Amino acid sequence: MHSEALLRYIVSFLVDKPESVNVREVEAEDETILELIVAPEDIGKVIGRNGRIAKSLRTLIAASSAKEGKNYSLEIID
């Protein structure tokens, strides 16, 4: 499963409005940035207490991207 699809799949189970989950790929110089957009009321659910869920999502994306041989990073857009 690609990193983008994996992120969309996981986040859709965390939020109340899974239909509003959107992931965009933005090509940067040496990496690909995955921009995660969710409904405004779901931002807290994606970030979590002290950023724990966001950190876990970034770890999963890093592991998935290493397997794909690419360099991805995650940005949560609010």
N, C-alpha and C. Protein backbone atom coordinates (compact mmCIF):
# COMPACT_ATOMS: atom_id res chain seq x y z
N MET A 1 0.85 -1.18 0.00
CA MET A 1 0.00 0.00 0.00
C MET A 1 0.89 1.24 0.00
N HIS A 2 0.59 2.19 -0.84
CA HIS A 2 1.37 3.42 -0.92
C HIS A 2 1.14 4.28 0.33
N SER A 3 2.11 5.12 0.63
CA SER A 3 2.05 5.97 1.82
C SER A 3 0.82 6.84 1.85
N GLU A 4 0.46 7.40 0.70
CA GLU A 4 -0.71 8.27 0.62
C GLU A 4 -1.99 7.50 0.96
N ALA A 5 -2.14 6.32 0.39
CA ALA A 5 -3.32 5.50 0.64
C ALA A 5 -3.36 5.01 2.09
N LEU A 6 -2.19 4.66 2.62
CA LEU A 6 -2.10 4.23 4.01
C LEU A 6 -2.55 5.34 4.95
N LEU A 7 -2.07 6.54 4.71
CA LEU A 7 -2.45 7.68 5.55
C LEU A 7 -3.94 7.94 5.49
N ARG A 8 -4.50 7.95 4.29
CA ARG A 8 -5.94 8.19 4.13
C ARG A 8 -6.75 7.10 4.85
N TYR A 9 -6.31 5.85 4.74
CA TYR A 9 -7.00 4.72 5.37
C TYR A 9 -7.01 4.86 6.89
N ILE A 10 -5.86 5.13 7.47
CA ILE A 10 -5.75 5.22 8.93
C ILE A 10 -6.53 6.41 9.47
N VAL A 11 -6.36 7.56 8.85
CA VAL A 11 -7.01 8.77 9.35
C VAL A 11 -8.53 8.68 9.23
N SER A 12 -9.03 7.99 8.23
CA SER A 12 -10.48 7.88 8.07
C SER A 12 -11.13 7.18 9.26
N PHE A 13 -10.38 6.36 9.98
CA PHE A 13 -10.91 5.70 11.17
C PHE A 13 -10.77 6.55 12.43
N LEU A 14 -9.95 7.58 12.38
CA LEU A 14 -9.74 8.44 13.55
C LEU A 14 -10.74 9.58 13.64
N VAL A 15 -11.28 10.00 12.53
CA VAL A 15 -12.11 11.21 12.48
C VAL A 15 -13.60 10.89 12.45
N ASP A 16 -14.41 11.91 12.75
CA ASP A 16 -15.86 11.75 12.70
C ASP A 16 -16.40 11.91 11.29
N LYS A 17 -15.67 12.66 10.45
CA LYS A 17 -16.11 12.89 9.07
C LYS A 17 -15.07 12.33 8.10
N PRO A 18 -15.08 11.01 7.89
CA PRO A 18 -14.06 10.41 7.00
C PRO A 18 -14.18 10.87 5.55
N GLU A 19 -15.34 11.33 5.15
CA GLU A 19 -15.51 11.79 3.77
C GLU A 19 -14.76 13.10 3.50
N SER A 20 -14.37 13.79 4.56
CA SER A 20 -13.65 15.06 4.38
C SER A 20 -12.13 14.89 4.43
N VAL A 21 -11.65 13.68 4.59
CA VAL A 21 -10.20 13.43 4.61
C VAL A 21 -9.65 13.58 3.20
N ASN A 22 -8.63 14.42 3.07
CA ASN A 22 -8.01 14.66 1.78
C ASN A 22 -6.50 14.65 1.96
N VAL A 23 -5.80 13.95 1.10
CA VAL A 23 -4.33 13.89 1.14
C VAL A 23 -3.81 14.34 -0.22
N ARG A 24 -2.92 15.34 -0.19
CA ARG A 24 -2.31 15.83 -1.42
C ARG A 24 -0.81 15.59 -1.36
N GLU A 25 -0.25 15.21 -2.49
CA GLU A 25 1.20 15.08 -2.61
C GLU A 25 1.77 16.35 -3.20
N VAL A 26 2.78 16.90 -2.53
CA VAL A 26 3.46 18.09 -3.03
C VAL A 26 4.93 17.73 -3.18
N GLU A 27 5.42 17.84 -4.40
CA GLU A 27 6.82 17.51 -4.66
C GLU A 27 7.72 18.65 -4.19
N ALA A 28 8.66 18.34 -3.34
CA ALA A 28 9.66 19.31 -2.90
C ALA A 28 10.99 18.90 -3.51
N GLU A 29 12.04 19.59 -3.11
CA GLU A 29 13.35 19.36 -3.71
C GLU A 29 13.85 17.93 -3.52
N ASP A 30 13.88 17.48 -2.27
CA ASP A 30 14.44 16.15 -1.99
C ASP A 30 13.47 15.21 -1.30
N GLU A 31 12.18 15.61 -1.23
CA GLU A 31 11.19 14.77 -0.58
C GLU A 31 9.81 15.07 -1.15
N THR A 32 8.87 14.24 -0.80
CA THR A 32 7.48 14.46 -1.16
C THR A 32 6.72 14.74 0.12
N ILE A 33 6.01 15.84 0.14
CA ILE A 33 5.24 16.23 1.33
C ILE A 33 3.81 15.76 1.14
N LEU A 34 3.31 15.04 2.13
CA LEU A 34 1.90 14.64 2.14
C LEU A 34 1.16 15.64 3.00
N GLU A 35 0.26 16.40 2.39
CA GLU A 35 -0.54 17.37 3.11
C GLU A 35 -1.87 16.72 3.48
N LEU A 36 -2.13 16.63 4.77
CA LEU A 36 -3.35 16.02 5.28
C LEU A 36 -4.34 17.12 5.64
N ILE A 37 -5.52 17.03 5.04
CA ILE A 37 -6.58 18.00 5.31
C ILE A 37 -7.79 17.24 5.82
N VAL A 38 -8.30 17.66 6.99
CA VAL A 38 -9.50 17.06 7.58
C VAL A 38 -10.47 18.18 7.94
N ALA A 39 -11.66 17.82 8.35
CA ALA A 39 -12.65 18.80 8.78
C ALA A 39 -12.10 19.54 10.01
N PRO A 40 -12.43 20.83 10.15
CA PRO A 40 -11.89 21.61 11.27
C PRO A 40 -12.15 20.99 12.65
N GLU A 41 -13.29 20.35 12.82
CA GLU A 41 -13.60 19.75 14.12
C GLU A 41 -12.82 18.46 14.38
N ASP A 42 -12.16 17.93 13.36
CA ASP A 42 -11.39 16.69 13.50
C ASP A 42 -9.89 16.91 13.66
N ILE A 43 -9.44 18.15 13.60
CA ILE A 43 -8.00 18.44 13.72
C ILE A 43 -7.44 17.88 15.03
N GLY A 44 -8.15 18.09 16.13
CA GLY A 44 -7.68 17.61 17.43
C GLY A 44 -7.54 16.10 17.49
N LYS A 45 -8.42 15.41 16.81
CA LYS A 45 -8.36 13.94 16.80
C LYS A 45 -7.14 13.43 16.03
N VAL A 46 -6.73 14.18 15.01
CA VAL A 46 -5.60 13.78 14.19
C VAL A 46 -4.27 14.14 14.88
N ILE A 47 -4.26 15.24 15.61
CA ILE A 47 -3.04 15.66 16.30
C ILE A 47 -2.87 14.88 17.61
N GLY A 48 -3.95 14.74 18.38
CA GLY A 48 -3.89 14.00 19.63
C GLY A 48 -3.28 14.81 20.76
N ARG A 49 -3.30 14.25 21.94
CA ARG A 49 -2.73 14.92 23.12
C ARG A 49 -1.22 15.03 22.96
N ASN A 50 -0.74 16.24 23.12
CA ASN A 50 0.69 16.53 23.00
C ASN A 50 1.27 16.06 21.66
N GLY A 51 0.42 15.95 20.64
CA GLY A 51 0.90 15.58 19.31
C GLY A 51 1.24 14.11 19.14
N ARG A 52 0.76 13.27 20.03
CA ARG A 52 1.12 11.85 19.99
C ARG A 52 0.63 11.15 18.72
N ILE A 53 -0.61 11.41 18.32
CA ILE A 53 -1.14 10.73 17.14
C ILE A 53 -0.42 11.23 15.90
N ALA A 54 -0.18 12.54 15.82
CA ALA A 54 0.55 13.10 14.67
C ALA A 54 1.95 12.50 14.58
N LYS A 55 2.60 12.34 15.71
CA LYS A 55 3.94 11.75 15.73
C LYS A 55 3.88 10.29 15.26
N SER A 56 2.87 9.57 15.69
CA SER A 56 2.71 8.17 15.26
C SER A 56 2.44 8.08 13.77
N LEU A 57 1.61 8.99 13.25
CA LEU A 57 1.34 9.00 11.81
C LEU A 57 2.62 9.28 11.03
N ARG A 58 3.43 10.21 11.52
CA ARG A 58 4.70 10.52 10.85
C ARG A 58 5.64 9.32 10.86
N THR A 59 5.64 8.57 11.96
CA THR A 59 6.48 7.38 12.06
C THR A 59 6.02 6.33 11.05
N LEU A 60 4.72 6.13 10.94
CA LEU A 60 4.18 5.16 9.97
C LEU A 60 4.51 5.57 8.54
N ILE A 61 4.39 6.85 8.24
CA ILE A 61 4.70 7.34 6.89
C ILE A 61 6.18 7.16 6.58
N ALA A 62 7.04 7.42 7.57
CA ALA A 62 8.48 7.25 7.37
C ALA A 62 8.80 5.78 7.09
N ALA A 63 8.18 4.87 7.84
CA ALA A 63 8.43 3.44 7.63
C ALA A 63 7.91 2.99 6.27
N SER A 64 6.73 3.45 5.91
CA SER A 64 6.15 3.08 4.61
C SER A 64 6.97 3.64 3.45
N SER A 65 7.43 4.87 3.60
CA SER A 65 8.20 5.48 2.52
C SER A 65 9.57 4.82 2.36
N ALA A 66 10.15 4.37 3.47
CA ALA A 66 11.43 3.67 3.39
C ALA A 66 11.26 2.37 2.61
N LYS A 67 10.14 1.72 2.82
CA LYS A 67 9.87 0.48 2.10
C LYS A 67 9.69 0.74 0.60
N GLU A 68 9.12 1.91 0.26
CA GLU A 68 8.92 2.29 -1.13
C GLU A 68 10.18 2.87 -1.76
N GLY A 69 11.16 3.19 -0.94
CA GLY A 69 12.38 3.79 -1.45
C GLY A 69 12.23 5.27 -1.75
N LYS A 70 11.29 5.91 -1.11
CA LYS A 70 11.04 7.33 -1.30
C LYS A 70 11.16 8.05 0.04
N ASN A 71 11.14 9.37 0.00
CA ASN A 71 11.23 10.17 1.21
C ASN A 71 9.98 11.03 1.32
N TYR A 72 9.09 10.67 2.24
CA TYR A 72 7.87 11.41 2.47
C TYR A 72 7.91 12.10 3.83
N SER A 73 7.22 13.22 3.92
CA SER A 73 7.01 13.87 5.21
C SER A 73 5.53 14.25 5.29
N LEU A 74 5.03 14.45 6.50
CA LEU A 74 3.62 14.72 6.71
C LEU A 74 3.42 16.11 7.27
N GLU A 75 2.49 16.85 6.67
CA GLU A 75 2.06 18.14 7.19
C GLU A 75 0.56 18.07 7.38
N ILE A 76 0.11 18.47 8.56
CA ILE A 76 -1.31 18.51 8.85
C ILE A 76 -1.76 19.96 8.65
N ILE A 77 -2.64 20.16 7.71
CA ILE A 77 -3.12 21.50 7.34
C ILE A 77 -4.38 21.81 8.14
N ASP A 78 -4.35 22.94 8.85
CA ASP A 78 -5.57 23.32 9.61
C ASP A 78 -6.22 24.55 9.05
